[in-house]
Amino acid sequence: NAFVTQMVSVKGASEWDTGIADTLFLITTNAIRTGVDLLVRRQEDPQYLGRDVMNSTAVGQTRLLETDPGVPAAFAMLLRNTGNETNTYLLRGPSGAGGWRIVYLDGLSSGQDVTPQITSGPGLRKTLPPSADLELAISLIPDVGLAGGSAQDALVSAVDEDAPSFIDVVKAVATVAASNTSPQGGTYTLNN
């Protein structure tokens, strides 16, 4: 681990006797701490899931959403630098398969499409100062003709570029709702 050491000297003298003076030296050492926290939520959820939960399996950091064919399942992710120095992170995730497409945006409402960077190569590279956040939108989009019950996982990882052992993973899961062709129970009246 690297350390940052800061030394400060404080000189003091008596107002009444100029012959009385002293110097105080303060030395502080702080270990440089690296950290990453990736959180996930459904877009309609008010709070993120996975705060202070860091792992490479997405346990405790998974959200599920049911959708209809052709309708995007919208999620949000939050990348947080939990370290005490500026760090660069690589975000990686899948592009979708089997009738599913996954789209990533680097903002929640008007973000740029960063799908090619996240789904290929080393990943989307983002630099954050200490305690800073970055929100991203992720949409899992099923083809219009996809059958009910079809599912797609998006396992997204954030890795510290300089310390690859610092990793956090979240999972967004979307399923296509099963169509119901049987009559629904209830009492119906005819309005003539």
Protein backbone atom coordinates (compact mmCIF):
# COMPACT_ATOMS: atom_id res chain seq x y z
CA ASN A 1 0.00 0.00 0.00
CA ALA A 2 1.10 3.51 -0.71
CA PHE A 3 0.93 6.17 1.95
CA VAL A 4 0.63 9.92 1.89
CA THR A 5 2.43 11.77 4.68
CA GLN A 6 1.86 15.42 5.51
CA MET A 7 3.93 17.43 7.99
CA VAL A 8 2.77 20.74 9.41
CA SER A 9 4.78 22.94 11.77
CA VAL A 10 3.13 25.43 14.08
CA LYS A 11 5.27 28.09 15.76
CA GLY A 12 4.06 29.87 18.86
CA ALA A 13 5.51 32.67 20.96
CA SER A 14 4.47 34.42 24.12
CA GLU A 15 2.93 37.86 23.73
CA TRP A 16 4.49 39.01 27.00
CA ASP A 17 7.92 37.38 26.85
CA THR A 18 9.51 37.19 23.40
CA GLY A 19 12.10 34.79 24.76
CA ILE A 20 9.47 32.08 25.18
CA ALA A 21 8.69 30.28 21.94
CA ASP A 22 8.07 26.75 20.77
CA THR A 23 7.43 24.83 17.59
CA LEU A 24 4.99 21.97 17.28
CA PHE A 25 5.33 19.47 14.44
CA LEU A 26 2.25 17.53 13.38
CA ILE A 27 2.72 14.50 11.15
CA THR A 28 -0.17 12.55 9.70
CA THR A 29 0.01 9.48 7.50
CA ASN A 30 -2.94 8.23 5.53
CA ALA A 31 -3.02 4.99 3.58
CA ILE A 32 -4.29 5.34 0.03
CA ARG A 33 -7.49 3.31 -0.08
CA THR A 34 -8.99 2.02 -3.30
CA GLY A 35 -12.67 1.14 -3.49
CA VAL A 36 -15.54 0.59 -5.88
CA ASP A 37 -19.25 0.13 -5.24
CA LEU A 38 -21.69 -0.65 -8.06
CA LEU A 39 -25.42 -0.47 -7.25
CA VAL A 40 -28.54 -1.37 -9.23
CA ARG A 41 -32.25 -0.55 -9.17
CA ARG A 42 -35.28 -0.82 -11.40
CA GLN A 43 -35.83 2.60 -12.92
CA GLU A 44 -39.05 3.08 -10.96
CA ASP A 45 -37.43 2.14 -7.61
CA PRO A 46 -36.54 5.09 -5.36
CA GLN A 47 -33.43 3.45 -3.86
CA TYR A 48 -30.47 1.50 -5.18
CA LEU A 49 -29.71 -2.03 -4.04
CA GLY A 50 -26.20 -3.11 -3.05
CA ARG A 51 -24.86 -0.11 -1.13
CA ASP A 52 -21.65 -1.21 0.62
CA VAL A 53 -22.06 -4.73 -0.79
CA MET A 54 -19.00 -5.53 -2.88
CA ASN A 55 -18.58 -8.91 -4.55
CA SER A 56 -17.94 -10.55 -7.91
CA THR A 57 -21.12 -12.66 -7.89
CA ALA A 58 -23.93 -10.05 -7.67
CA VAL A 59 -25.27 -11.74 -4.53
CA GLY A 60 -27.37 -9.12 -2.74
CA GLN A 61 -27.16 -6.91 -5.83
CA THR A 62 -29.73 -8.34 -8.27
CA ARG A 63 -32.97 -6.78 -9.53
CA LEU A 64 -35.72 -8.51 -11.57
CA LEU A 65 -38.28 -6.91 -13.86
CA GLU A 66 -41.04 -8.48 -15.97
CA THR A 67 -41.87 -6.88 -19.31
CA ASP A 68 -43.83 -7.50 -22.50
CA PRO A 69 -42.33 -8.39 -25.89
CA GLY A 70 -40.79 -5.31 -27.51
CA VAL A 71 -41.01 -3.23 -24.30
CA PRO A 72 -37.67 -2.30 -22.65
CA ALA A 73 -37.06 -3.35 -19.05
CA ALA A 74 -35.40 -0.22 -17.64
CA PHE A 75 -32.79 -0.33 -14.88
CA ALA A 76 -30.35 2.18 -13.40
CA MET A 77 -26.83 1.58 -12.12
CA LEU A 78 -24.70 3.77 -9.89
CA LEU A 79 -20.91 3.58 -9.85
CA ARG A 80 -19.35 5.05 -6.69
CA ASN A 81 -15.70 5.67 -5.86
CA THR A 82 -15.48 4.56 -2.23
CA GLY A 83 -11.73 5.16 -2.10
CA ASN A 84 -9.87 8.22 -0.89
CA GLU A 85 -8.13 9.05 -4.18
CA THR A 86 -9.22 9.57 -7.78
CA ASN A 87 -9.64 6.19 -9.48
CA THR A 88 -10.37 4.98 -13.00
CA TYR A 89 -12.86 2.15 -13.46
CA LEU A 90 -13.68 -0.18 -16.34
CA LEU A 91 -17.37 -1.08 -16.75
CA ARG A 92 -18.21 -4.25 -18.67
CA GLY A 93 -21.47 -5.98 -19.51
CA PRO A 94 -23.17 -8.24 -22.08
CA SER A 95 -24.85 -7.14 -25.31
CA GLY A 96 -27.75 -9.59 -25.13
CA ALA A 97 -28.54 -12.85 -26.92
CA GLY A 98 -31.42 -15.10 -27.96
CA GLY A 99 -33.79 -12.33 -29.05
CA TRP A 100 -32.66 -9.79 -26.45
CA ARG A 101 -30.74 -6.54 -26.95
CA ILE A 102 -29.08 -4.58 -24.13
CA VAL A 103 -28.50 -0.81 -24.36
CA TYR A 104 -26.32 1.20 -21.95
CA LEU A 105 -26.46 5.01 -21.52
CA ASP A 106 -24.03 7.12 -19.48
CA GLY A 107 -26.84 9.03 -17.79
CA LEU A 108 -30.40 8.37 -16.70
CA SER A 109 -32.41 10.79 -18.83
CA SER A 110 -30.26 12.16 -21.64
CA GLY A 111 -27.14 10.02 -21.64
CA GLN A 112 -24.95 9.06 -24.55
CA ASP A 113 -25.13 5.50 -25.90
CA VAL A 114 -22.06 3.72 -24.49
CA THR A 115 -23.14 0.19 -25.44
CA PRO A 116 -20.16 -0.49 -27.77
CA GLN A 117 -17.65 0.52 -25.08
CA ILE A 118 -19.28 -1.55 -22.31
CA THR A 119 -19.87 -4.68 -24.41
CA SER A 120 -16.48 -4.92 -26.15
CA GLY A 121 -12.78 -4.44 -25.52
CA PRO A 122 -11.55 -3.50 -22.06
CA GLY A 123 -14.83 -1.76 -21.17
CA LEU A 124 -16.11 1.77 -20.64
CA ARG A 125 -13.39 3.78 -18.86
CA LYS A 126 -14.60 6.30 -16.26
CA THR A 127 -12.50 8.35 -13.81
CA LEU A 128 -14.09 9.49 -10.54
CA PRO A 129 -12.73 11.59 -7.67
CA PRO A 130 -13.20 10.30 -4.09
CA SER A 131 -16.86 9.82 -3.04
CA ALA A 132 -18.11 10.72 -6.55
CA ASP A 133 -20.96 8.88 -8.31
CA LEU A 134 -21.83 8.14 -11.92
CA GLU A 135 -25.32 6.99 -12.91
CA LEU A 136 -25.96 4.84 -15.97
CA ALA A 137 -29.16 3.57 -17.57
CA ILE A 138 -29.48 0.01 -18.84
CA SER A 139 -32.37 -1.33 -20.92
CA LEU A 140 -32.96 -5.02 -21.62
CA ILE A 141 -35.12 -5.13 -24.74
CA PRO A 142 -36.88 -8.33 -25.86
CA ASP A 143 -37.77 -8.82 -29.54
CA VAL A 144 -41.45 -8.32 -30.36
CA GLY A 145 -41.95 -12.01 -31.16
CA LEU A 146 -40.21 -13.36 -28.06
CA ALA A 147 -42.25 -15.97 -26.16
CA GLY A 148 -43.40 -15.51 -22.59
CA GLY A 149 -40.98 -16.85 -20.00
CA SER A 150 -37.89 -15.85 -21.98
CA ALA A 151 -35.26 -14.22 -19.75
CA GLN A 152 -32.06 -12.20 -20.09
CA ASP A 153 -29.45 -11.51 -17.42
CA ALA A 154 -27.13 -8.51 -17.56
CA LEU A 155 -24.18 -9.14 -15.26
CA VAL A 156 -22.33 -5.80 -15.15
CA SER A 157 -18.93 -5.36 -13.50
CA ALA A 158 -16.88 -2.37 -12.38
CA VAL A 159 -13.16 -2.99 -11.95
CA ASP A 160 -10.52 -0.58 -10.64
CA GLU A 161 -8.13 -0.15 -13.58
CA ASP A 162 -5.02 0.03 -11.36
CA ALA A 163 -6.11 -2.59 -8.82
CA PRO A 164 -8.09 -5.32 -10.65
CA SER A 165 -8.79 -7.19 -7.41
CA PHE A 166 -11.18 -4.34 -6.53
CA ILE A 167 -14.32 -5.42 -8.40
CA ASP A 168 -18.04 -5.15 -7.86
CA VAL A 169 -20.79 -6.83 -9.89
CA VAL A 170 -24.53 -6.20 -10.16
CA LYS A 171 -27.19 -8.11 -12.08
CA ALA A 172 -30.31 -6.91 -13.90
CA VAL A 173 -32.71 -9.67 -14.95
CA ALA A 174 -35.66 -9.21 -17.32
CA THR A 175 -38.31 -11.77 -18.20
CA VAL A 176 -41.05 -11.67 -20.80
CA ALA A 177 -44.48 -11.95 -19.23
CA ALA A 178 -46.41 -15.06 -20.19
CA SER A 179 -49.42 -14.20 -22.31
CA ASN A 180 -52.71 -15.24 -20.85
CA THR A 181 -55.28 -16.45 -23.38
CA SER A 182 -57.68 -17.96 -20.87
CA PRO A 183 -60.76 -15.97 -19.86
CA GLN A 184 -60.35 -13.86 -16.75
CA GLY A 185 -62.71 -14.46 -13.86
CA GLY A 186 -65.18 -11.77 -12.94
CA THR A 187 -68.68 -10.47 -13.52
CA TYR A 188 -69.24 -8.60 -16.75
CA THR A 189 -72.23 -6.47 -17.76
CA LEU A 190 -73.28 -5.26 -21.17
CA ASN A 191 -73.88 -1.51 -21.41
CA ASN A 192 -76.74 -1.03 -23.92
